[in-house]
Each structure stands twice: as C-alpha cells, then as structure tokens.
Amino acid sequence: MTAAITDRAAARTTVPYASRAPRVVRVSLAGCGTVGASLVGLIRRQQVEFEARHGVRFELASILVRDPAKDRGIAIPRHLFTTSVDDFLSSDADVVVEVIGGFDPAERVVRGALAAGRQVVTANKALIAAHGPALQRQADAHGSSLNFEAAVGGGVPVVRTLRGDLGGHGVRTITGILNGTTNFLLTAITDGVSYSDALADAQAKGFAEADPSRDLQGLDAADKIRILAWLAWGVDPSEQQVLVEPLPRDPEPLARQALQRSGVLKYLAGGVRGADGAVRLWVRPVIVPADHAFARVRDEENAVHIDSDSLGVLRLQGRGAGGNATASAVLGDLLDAARAVVA
C-alpha cells in the first residue's frame, strides 16, 4: 500500500503539468529521524512543482524505523512504518532512500535494494567511505544507480561536481570545511561564546548530535575526504589513511590565539595527489588569515576549494549541517533517481 506525499498548501497552488499526467515514483525511506522527516516535509511542500517541472509524483511505499511510535514532528500514516528490513525491501518501490546511518541495517538496505535493481539514494558517509566502490560496482551490475550527494557537504554539490563537471580536468588538491558541526562551534567561540554554550546551542538547533565525538575527533571529516579522494583520483576510500588531528578538548585558547594572529580558527580537511601519484589526506585545526575565503564561512556552512589543472580553483559553499541541508541534497539525488525511473 502506498500513501501520496501531499499537503493542503500544495493543493491550493496547483500548476498543471503541460504534456502528460505525472508518473508516480514510489519511494521507500530507511530512517525517519531529523533528515528523513525533513525530506518528507520538503517533498510535501514542493510536490506540485515536481509534477509541473519534472512530471513525477512521489509516493511513500514503506518507512523503516527502529521505533514506529516515536514522534517525528510530521503526520505520517502509521501503516507505512516497519521495523523489518525484509518487509521493507519487499515493498513495491522504485527508489530506496537510506538516511538511517551507520552500518547495520543500512548496508543490508543498500545492498538489497541494489541487488533488486532499484535506484538508491543514501546520505551515509561512513558506508560510502567503507564500501563505495563495491556498491558502485553492484549498482552497475544490476542496472541501478548509487546516489550519495548528501554524504559529503550537506547542501554543497561537491559530489556531483567531482563525478561529472571535473572529470578529466586533473584535480590537484581538495581543501575544505567539511563538518558543519565544528564550524558552527568555532564560529560561536570566535564570536566570544563559551565552548559549552556553543555546543548546547548546536545540539538544540540540530547541528550537533547528542554525542558529537565523531565530529570533534575528525572522524566524520575523515570519511568525507576519503570519499572525495575516491571521486577525484579513483583510489579506494577504505584503503586511504587520513592524518587526523582532533579539535582540542577546549578549543577556546586556540581560537583566541588565532584572533591575536589576525586569523580565524577553522577545522579543515584536505587531500593532495603528489607528483609520484600518491594521495595524502589530512584533517586538522588550521589558523587561516582573516581575509581568506574560509574565514568567511560561518556557522553550519561547509565550503570546498578544488584546484584542477585546466579549470583553476573552483569554490563551492553552502549549508553543511542540519536536517534541511542534508534533506535538500537527498532530494536532489531523489529527483535524479526519479528521472532514471521515468526515462
């Protein structure tokens, strides 16, 4: 059974689809926390536009969750929820969206969907960093697609850029602010807010997890720079070592030191391919000059600078943390997947 993702506001602003009736694209959603619920909300608000511009109408086929009774802040029919991976994968869906995170059951969901020839969208940077090439081969073998823009950079289209626009242009270096949580914290601390208050604010706004250790220890950024290295240079991300320097337990003294040096403290990730072909990756706190572009990247925003042989330096910037930023990137991939379904 399916349920249309619609709302009354959309119905009041109906725009006719000029050439034909919209094609229904059924979506199964693994995970309905901050990102998943935000995605459902975005689709509801933009459904009429999707029908008018893209000729597709999204319907929910199934939602995999750990706790069906949890309040998700949005009305969703209860019959759509399941706690069974097998039942979830057996649903009649064209596209499977995985935003549940971690490895289990996320890996079972993604592999099962690809094996069934379904289009897959995931925001799971840990899964892609560990198994991206193998999952891509599985997608290719079954005539499916693996879409993971939301795994790196939130709303910054760096995955799409490296997979397409920069192909063949010889990427030399990648440097960026790849973790919105730490950038939010460092912005607040630079503005004079205490670390404890900044963290509490980030958690209240949904920019930091209850346990932000992966962000603060650089593990989240390390997964992301491994993925970008795979896309830029074709290396297996699971085999890449990343030199990681965590943020100090108390970053306030280092942030004050940066100001005294007319700089700004940022938590950066980077990669370079040397003349010998070796790829070197790193994550560390860096004091950047106050007039540097990274110094102006504030709050939960991410930014990536890609230096290539023929295009020079390409700069991308946008929101990198929070449910809406990630859900927007997922939605872009979902539209791409839907176009593949209706083609």
Protein backbone atom coordinates (compact mmCIF):
# COMPACT_ATOMS: atom_id res chain seq x y z
CA MET A 1 0.00 0.00 0.00
CA THR A 2 1.25 3.48 -0.79
CA ALA A 3 0.46 6.94 0.50
CA ALA A 4 0.79 10.10 -1.52
CA ILE A 5 3.12 12.71 -0.04
CA THR A 6 0.84 15.73 -0.36
CA ASP A 7 -0.46 18.58 1.77
CA ARG A 8 -3.28 21.11 1.59
CA ALA A 9 -0.97 24.05 0.90
CA ALA A 10 0.32 22.33 -2.23
CA ALA A 11 -3.23 21.55 -3.35
CA ARG A 12 -4.13 25.24 -3.18
CA THR A 13 -1.36 26.16 -5.64
CA THR A 14 -1.89 23.53 -8.32
CA VAL A 15 0.08 24.07 -11.52
CA PRO A 16 -0.93 21.82 -14.44
CA TYR A 17 1.71 19.57 -15.97
CA ALA A 18 1.59 20.56 -19.60
CA SER A 19 2.37 17.43 -21.60
CA ARG A 20 1.01 14.43 -19.69
CA ALA A 21 -0.12 13.14 -16.33
CA PRO A 22 2.74 12.88 -13.82
CA ARG A 23 4.37 9.49 -13.39
CA VAL A 24 4.10 8.06 -9.87
CA VAL A 25 7.51 7.21 -8.38
CA ARG A 26 7.30 5.03 -5.29
CA VAL A 27 9.85 5.72 -2.56
CA SER A 28 10.88 3.56 0.38
CA LEU A 29 12.59 5.50 3.15
CA ALA A 30 15.03 3.87 5.58
CA GLY A 31 15.23 6.21 8.57
CA CYS A 32 12.78 8.89 9.60
CA GLY A 33 14.74 10.96 12.11
CA THR A 34 15.83 14.54 11.57
CA VAL A 35 16.85 14.06 7.92
CA GLY A 36 14.11 11.63 6.94
CA ALA A 37 11.31 13.73 8.42
CA SER A 38 12.78 16.86 6.81
CA LEU A 39 12.82 15.07 3.46
CA VAL A 40 9.15 14.14 3.72
CA GLY A 41 8.36 17.76 4.59
CA LEU A 42 10.35 19.12 1.64
CA ILE A 43 8.60 16.78 -0.78
CA ARG A 44 5.19 17.74 0.54
CA ARG A 45 5.93 21.43 0.14
CA GLN A 46 7.32 21.06 -3.40
CA GLN A 47 5.18 18.25 -4.78
CA VAL A 48 3.20 20.46 -7.16
CA GLU A 49 6.42 21.89 -8.58
CA PHE A 50 7.79 18.38 -9.12
CA GLU A 51 4.68 17.43 -11.05
CA ALA A 52 4.82 20.59 -13.17
CA ARG A 53 8.54 20.68 -13.88
CA HIS A 54 9.58 17.03 -13.79
CA GLY A 55 6.38 15.09 -14.42
CA VAL A 56 6.79 12.94 -11.29
CA ARG A 57 4.70 12.44 -8.21
CA PHE A 58 6.36 10.83 -5.21
CA GLU A 59 4.52 8.31 -3.07
CA LEU A 60 5.76 6.62 0.08
CA ALA A 61 5.75 2.84 -0.09
CA SER A 62 7.42 1.96 3.23
CA ILE A 63 9.42 3.52 6.05
CA LEU A 64 11.98 1.51 8.02
CA VAL A 65 12.41 2.72 11.61
CA ARG A 66 13.53 1.35 14.95
CA ASP A 67 10.59 2.80 16.88
CA PRO A 68 7.31 3.29 14.98
CA ALA A 69 5.75 5.08 17.96
CA LYS A 70 8.31 7.88 18.07
CA ASP A 71 7.03 11.41 17.47
CA ARG A 72 8.63 12.69 14.26
CA GLY A 73 7.03 16.11 14.21
CA ILE A 74 5.16 15.37 10.98
CA ALA A 75 1.99 13.41 10.23
CA ILE A 76 2.75 10.10 8.54
CA PRO A 77 0.29 7.18 8.21
CA ARG A 78 1.22 4.52 10.76
CA HIS A 79 0.73 1.63 8.33
CA LEU A 80 3.81 2.75 6.39
CA PHE A 81 6.19 2.05 9.27
CA THR A 82 8.03 -1.24 9.62
CA THR A 83 10.89 -2.49 11.77
CA SER A 84 11.68 -5.41 9.45
CA VAL A 85 14.39 -5.00 6.82
CA ASP A 86 12.96 -7.91 4.84
CA ASP A 87 9.48 -6.39 4.78
CA PHE A 88 10.96 -3.01 3.86
CA LEU A 89 12.92 -4.41 0.92
CA SER A 90 9.91 -6.37 -0.32
CA SER A 91 7.83 -3.22 -0.69
CA ASP A 92 6.91 -2.08 -4.20
CA ALA A 93 9.34 0.83 -4.55
CA ASP A 94 11.18 2.39 -7.47
CA VAL A 95 13.70 4.25 -5.29
CA VAL A 96 15.13 3.36 -1.89
CA VAL A 97 16.39 6.26 0.24
CA GLU A 98 18.73 5.37 3.12
CA VAL A 99 19.17 8.00 5.84
CA ILE A 100 19.22 5.67 8.83
CA GLY A 101 23.02 5.97 9.20
CA GLY A 102 25.67 3.58 10.49
CA PHE A 103 26.31 0.16 9.01
CA ASP A 104 23.53 -2.11 10.24
CA PRO A 105 20.88 -2.21 8.89
CA ALA A 106 21.97 0.49 6.41
CA GLU A 107 24.33 -1.78 4.48
CA ARG A 108 21.72 -4.53 4.21
CA VAL A 109 19.21 -1.99 2.93
CA VAL A 110 21.52 -0.51 0.29
CA ARG A 111 22.88 -3.84 -0.94
CA GLY A 112 19.43 -5.41 -1.01
CA ALA A 113 17.96 -2.52 -2.96
CA LEU A 114 20.81 -2.52 -5.49
CA ALA A 115 20.53 -6.28 -5.93
CA ALA A 116 16.86 -5.78 -6.79
CA GLY A 117 17.79 -3.21 -9.44
CA ARG A 118 16.30 -0.26 -7.60
CA GLN A 119 17.65 3.27 -7.66
CA VAL A 120 19.38 4.05 -4.35
CA VAL A 121 19.93 7.37 -2.60
CA THR A 122 21.99 7.50 0.60
CA ALA A 123 23.40 10.14 2.93
CA ASN A 124 25.62 7.62 4.69
CA LYS A 125 29.22 8.87 4.54
CA ALA A 126 30.57 6.05 6.73
CA LEU A 127 29.05 3.42 4.45
CA ILE A 128 30.30 5.08 1.25
CA ALA A 129 33.79 5.61 2.70
CA ALA A 130 33.97 1.92 3.63
CA HIS A 131 32.24 0.29 0.65
CA GLY A 132 31.64 2.94 -2.04
CA PRO A 133 33.48 1.27 -4.95
CA ALA A 134 31.94 -2.14 -4.24
CA LEU A 135 28.45 -0.64 -4.01
CA GLN A 136 29.00 1.24 -7.25
CA ARG A 137 30.04 -1.98 -8.99
CA GLN A 138 26.92 -3.66 -7.64
CA ALA A 139 24.77 -0.80 -8.94
CA ASP A 140 26.38 -1.04 -12.37
CA ALA A 141 25.92 -4.81 -12.48
CA HIS A 142 22.19 -4.56 -11.76
CA GLY A 143 21.40 -1.55 -13.94
CA SER A 144 20.74 0.61 -10.91
CA SER A 145 22.30 3.82 -9.60
CA LEU A 146 24.03 4.82 -6.37
CA ASN A 147 23.44 8.46 -5.46
CA PHE A 148 25.20 9.96 -2.42
CA GLU A 149 25.43 13.74 -2.76
CA ALA A 150 24.24 14.18 0.83
CA ALA A 151 27.11 12.08 2.20
CA VAL A 152 29.56 14.98 1.81
CA GLY A 153 28.98 18.68 2.33
CA GLY A 154 25.25 18.77 3.03
CA GLY A 155 23.85 21.26 0.55
CA VAL A 156 27.21 21.79 -1.22
CA PRO A 157 27.15 19.91 -4.58
CA VAL A 158 30.74 18.68 -4.38
CA VAL A 159 29.96 15.02 -5.13
CA ARG A 160 28.05 15.94 -8.28
CA THR A 161 30.89 18.28 -9.30
CA LEU A 162 33.63 15.69 -8.91
CA ARG A 163 31.60 12.90 -10.53
CA GLY A 164 30.75 14.98 -13.56
CA ASP A 165 31.95 18.51 -14.23
CA LEU A 166 35.56 17.99 -13.17
CA GLY A 167 36.06 14.67 -14.89
CA GLY A 168 39.23 14.76 -16.93
CA HIS A 169 40.38 18.14 -15.66
CA GLY A 170 43.14 16.80 -13.39
CA VAL A 171 42.30 17.59 -9.77
CA ARG A 172 45.45 18.52 -7.85
CA THR A 173 44.18 19.40 -4.39
CA ILE A 174 40.95 19.44 -2.41
CA THR A 175 40.62 21.56 0.74
CA GLY A 176 37.52 22.32 2.70
CA ILE A 177 35.38 22.83 5.74
CA LEU A 178 33.53 19.52 5.59
CA ASN A 179 31.90 19.39 9.02
CA GLY A 180 29.12 21.85 9.80
CA THR A 181 29.06 20.97 13.50
CA THR A 182 32.64 22.00 14.18
CA ASN A 183 32.33 25.10 12.00
CA PHE A 184 29.25 26.18 13.97
CA LEU A 185 31.12 25.69 17.25
CA LEU A 186 34.26 27.52 16.12
CA THR A 187 32.22 30.42 14.72
CA ALA A 188 30.45 30.84 18.05
CA ILE A 189 33.69 30.58 20.04
CA THR A 190 35.37 33.14 17.77
CA ASP A 191 32.40 35.44 18.48
CA GLY A 192 33.02 35.10 22.23
CA VAL A 193 30.61 32.32 23.17
CA SER A 194 31.92 29.67 25.55
CA TYR A 195 32.50 26.19 24.17
CA SER A 196 29.87 24.61 26.44
CA ASP A 197 27.23 27.17 25.45
CA ALA A 198 28.11 26.84 21.77
CA LEU A 199 27.76 23.05 21.91
CA ALA A 200 24.43 23.26 23.73
CA ASP A 201 23.17 25.72 21.10
CA ALA A 202 24.36 23.48 18.24
CA GLN A 203 22.57 20.49 19.74
CA ALA A 204 19.39 22.49 20.32
CA LYS A 205 19.38 23.62 16.67
CA GLY A 206 20.04 20.13 15.32
CA PHE A 207 23.56 20.93 14.10
CA ALA A 208 25.24 18.56 16.58
CA GLU A 209 24.40 15.07 17.76
CA ALA A 210 23.81 14.27 21.42
CA ASP A 211 27.22 12.59 21.18
CA PRO A 212 29.31 14.84 18.90
CA SER A 213 32.54 12.85 19.34
CA ARG A 214 32.82 11.78 15.67
CA ASP A 215 32.67 15.41 14.62
CA LEU A 216 35.07 16.72 17.27
CA GLN A 217 37.58 13.90 16.72
CA GLY A 218 37.64 14.50 12.98
CA LEU A 219 36.25 11.08 12.06
CA ASP A 220 33.27 12.49 10.17
CA ALA A 221 35.50 14.81 8.10
CA ALA A 222 37.94 11.95 7.51
CA ASP A 223 35.20 9.81 5.96
CA LYS A 224 34.21 12.70 3.71
CA ILE A 225 37.72 13.50 2.46
CA ARG A 226 38.21 9.79 1.68
CA ILE A 227 35.07 9.86 -0.46
CA LEU A 228 36.24 12.97 -2.29
CA ALA A 229 39.64 11.35 -2.89
CA TRP A 230 37.87 8.37 -4.48
CA LEU A 231 35.88 10.62 -6.78
CA ALA A 232 38.84 12.84 -7.68
CA TRP A 233 41.59 10.26 -8.06
CA GLY A 234 39.95 6.85 -8.29
CA VAL A 235 41.51 5.48 -5.11
CA ASP A 236 39.65 3.05 -2.86
CA PRO A 237 38.46 5.17 0.09
CA SER A 238 38.60 2.25 2.50
CA GLU A 239 42.35 1.90 1.87
CA GLN A 240 43.23 5.57 2.38
CA GLN A 241 44.91 6.65 5.59
CA VAL A 242 43.92 10.08 6.88
CA LEU A 243 46.21 12.00 9.22
CA VAL A 244 43.67 13.27 11.75
CA GLU A 245 44.31 15.84 14.47
CA PRO A 246 41.17 16.20 16.64
CA LEU A 247 39.96 19.54 17.85
CA PRO A 248 41.42 20.39 21.27
CA ARG A 249 39.23 19.30 24.16
CA ASP A 250 38.84 23.02 24.88
CA PRO A 251 39.23 24.98 21.61
CA GLU A 252 38.80 28.41 23.21
CA PRO A 253 42.53 29.13 23.84
CA LEU A 254 43.45 28.20 20.26
CA ALA A 255 40.61 30.36 18.92
CA ARG A 256 41.87 33.32 20.97
CA GLN A 257 45.38 32.69 19.70
CA ALA A 258 44.07 32.80 16.14
CA LEU A 259 42.47 36.20 16.75
CA GLN A 260 45.71 37.52 18.21
CA ARG A 261 47.41 36.49 14.96
CA SER A 262 44.73 38.29 12.90
CA GLY A 263 43.36 34.94 11.86
CA VAL A 264 40.40 32.63 12.38
CA LEU A 265 40.45 29.06 13.68
CA LYS A 266 38.89 26.58 11.26
CA TYR A 267 38.71 22.79 11.19
CA LEU A 268 39.82 21.79 7.71
CA ALA A 269 40.16 18.63 5.69
CA GLY A 270 42.33 18.25 2.64
CA GLY A 271 43.86 15.97 0.07
CA VAL A 272 46.61 16.21 -2.49
CA ARG A 273 47.94 13.90 -5.17
CA GLY A 274 51.69 14.26 -5.42
CA ALA A 275 53.91 14.04 -8.48
CA ASP A 276 54.56 10.42 -7.52
CA GLY A 277 50.82 9.69 -7.77
CA ALA A 278 50.47 9.10 -4.03
CA VAL A 279 47.38 10.56 -2.36
CA ARG A 280 47.80 12.22 1.03
CA LEU A 281 44.78 13.10 3.18
CA TRP A 282 44.51 15.08 6.41
CA VAL A 283 42.08 16.66 8.91
CA ARG A 284 43.31 19.27 11.41
CA PRO A 285 42.64 22.65 13.06
CA VAL A 286 44.14 25.47 10.99
CA ILE A 287 44.51 29.19 11.68
CA VAL A 288 43.57 30.85 8.39
CA PRO A 289 44.16 34.56 7.63
CA ALA A 290 41.15 36.79 8.36
CA ASP A 291 40.89 37.72 4.68
CA HIS A 292 40.89 34.10 3.47
CA ALA A 293 37.67 32.77 1.93
CA PHE A 294 37.43 30.03 4.58
CA ALA A 295 37.47 32.69 7.33
CA ARG A 296 34.16 34.00 5.99
CA VAL A 297 32.45 30.58 6.12
CA ARG A 298 30.34 30.86 9.24
CA ASP A 299 28.04 28.79 11.41
CA GLU A 300 26.94 25.43 9.96
CA GLU A 301 28.14 26.17 6.43
CA ASN A 302 30.59 23.99 4.52
CA ALA A 303 32.97 25.09 1.78
CA VAL A 304 35.22 23.21 -0.63
CA HIS A 305 38.03 24.51 -2.84
CA ILE A 306 39.12 22.22 -5.68
CA ASP A 307 42.29 23.06 -7.59
CA SER A 308 42.48 21.46 -11.02
CA ASP A 309 44.88 21.60 -13.96
CA SER A 310 42.62 23.19 -16.55
CA LEU A 311 39.90 24.94 -14.53
CA GLY A 312 41.95 26.51 -11.76
CA VAL A 313 40.31 26.78 -8.33
CA LEU A 314 36.62 26.00 -8.08
CA ARG A 315 34.91 27.21 -4.88
CA LEU A 316 31.69 25.69 -3.54
CA GLN A 317 29.87 26.82 -0.40
CA GLY A 318 26.56 26.16 1.34
CA ARG A 319 24.85 24.81 4.43
CA GLY A 320 26.50 21.67 5.69
CA ALA A 321 24.62 20.60 8.82
CA GLY A 322 21.05 20.22 9.96
CA GLY A 323 18.12 18.22 8.69
CA ASN A 324 17.04 20.59 5.93
CA ALA A 325 20.51 20.97 4.40
CA THR A 326 21.06 17.21 4.21
CA ALA A 327 17.49 16.56 3.13
CA SER A 328 17.87 19.08 0.29
CA ALA A 329 20.88 17.17 -1.03
CA VAL A 330 18.96 13.89 -0.70
CA LEU A 331 16.06 15.44 -2.57
CA GLY A 332 18.33 16.43 -5.46
CA ASP A 333 19.51 12.85 -5.76
CA LEU A 334 15.94 11.60 -5.44
CA LEU A 335 14.91 13.72 -8.41
CA ASP A 336 17.81 12.33 -10.44
CA ALA A 337 16.78 8.80 -9.48
CA ALA A 338 13.17 9.55 -10.39
CA ARG A 339 14.21 10.77 -13.84
CA ALA A 340 16.02 7.47 -14.36
CA VAL A 341 12.83 5.63 -13.40
CA VAL A 342 10.55 7.52 -15.77
CA ALA A 343 13.02 7.68 -18.68
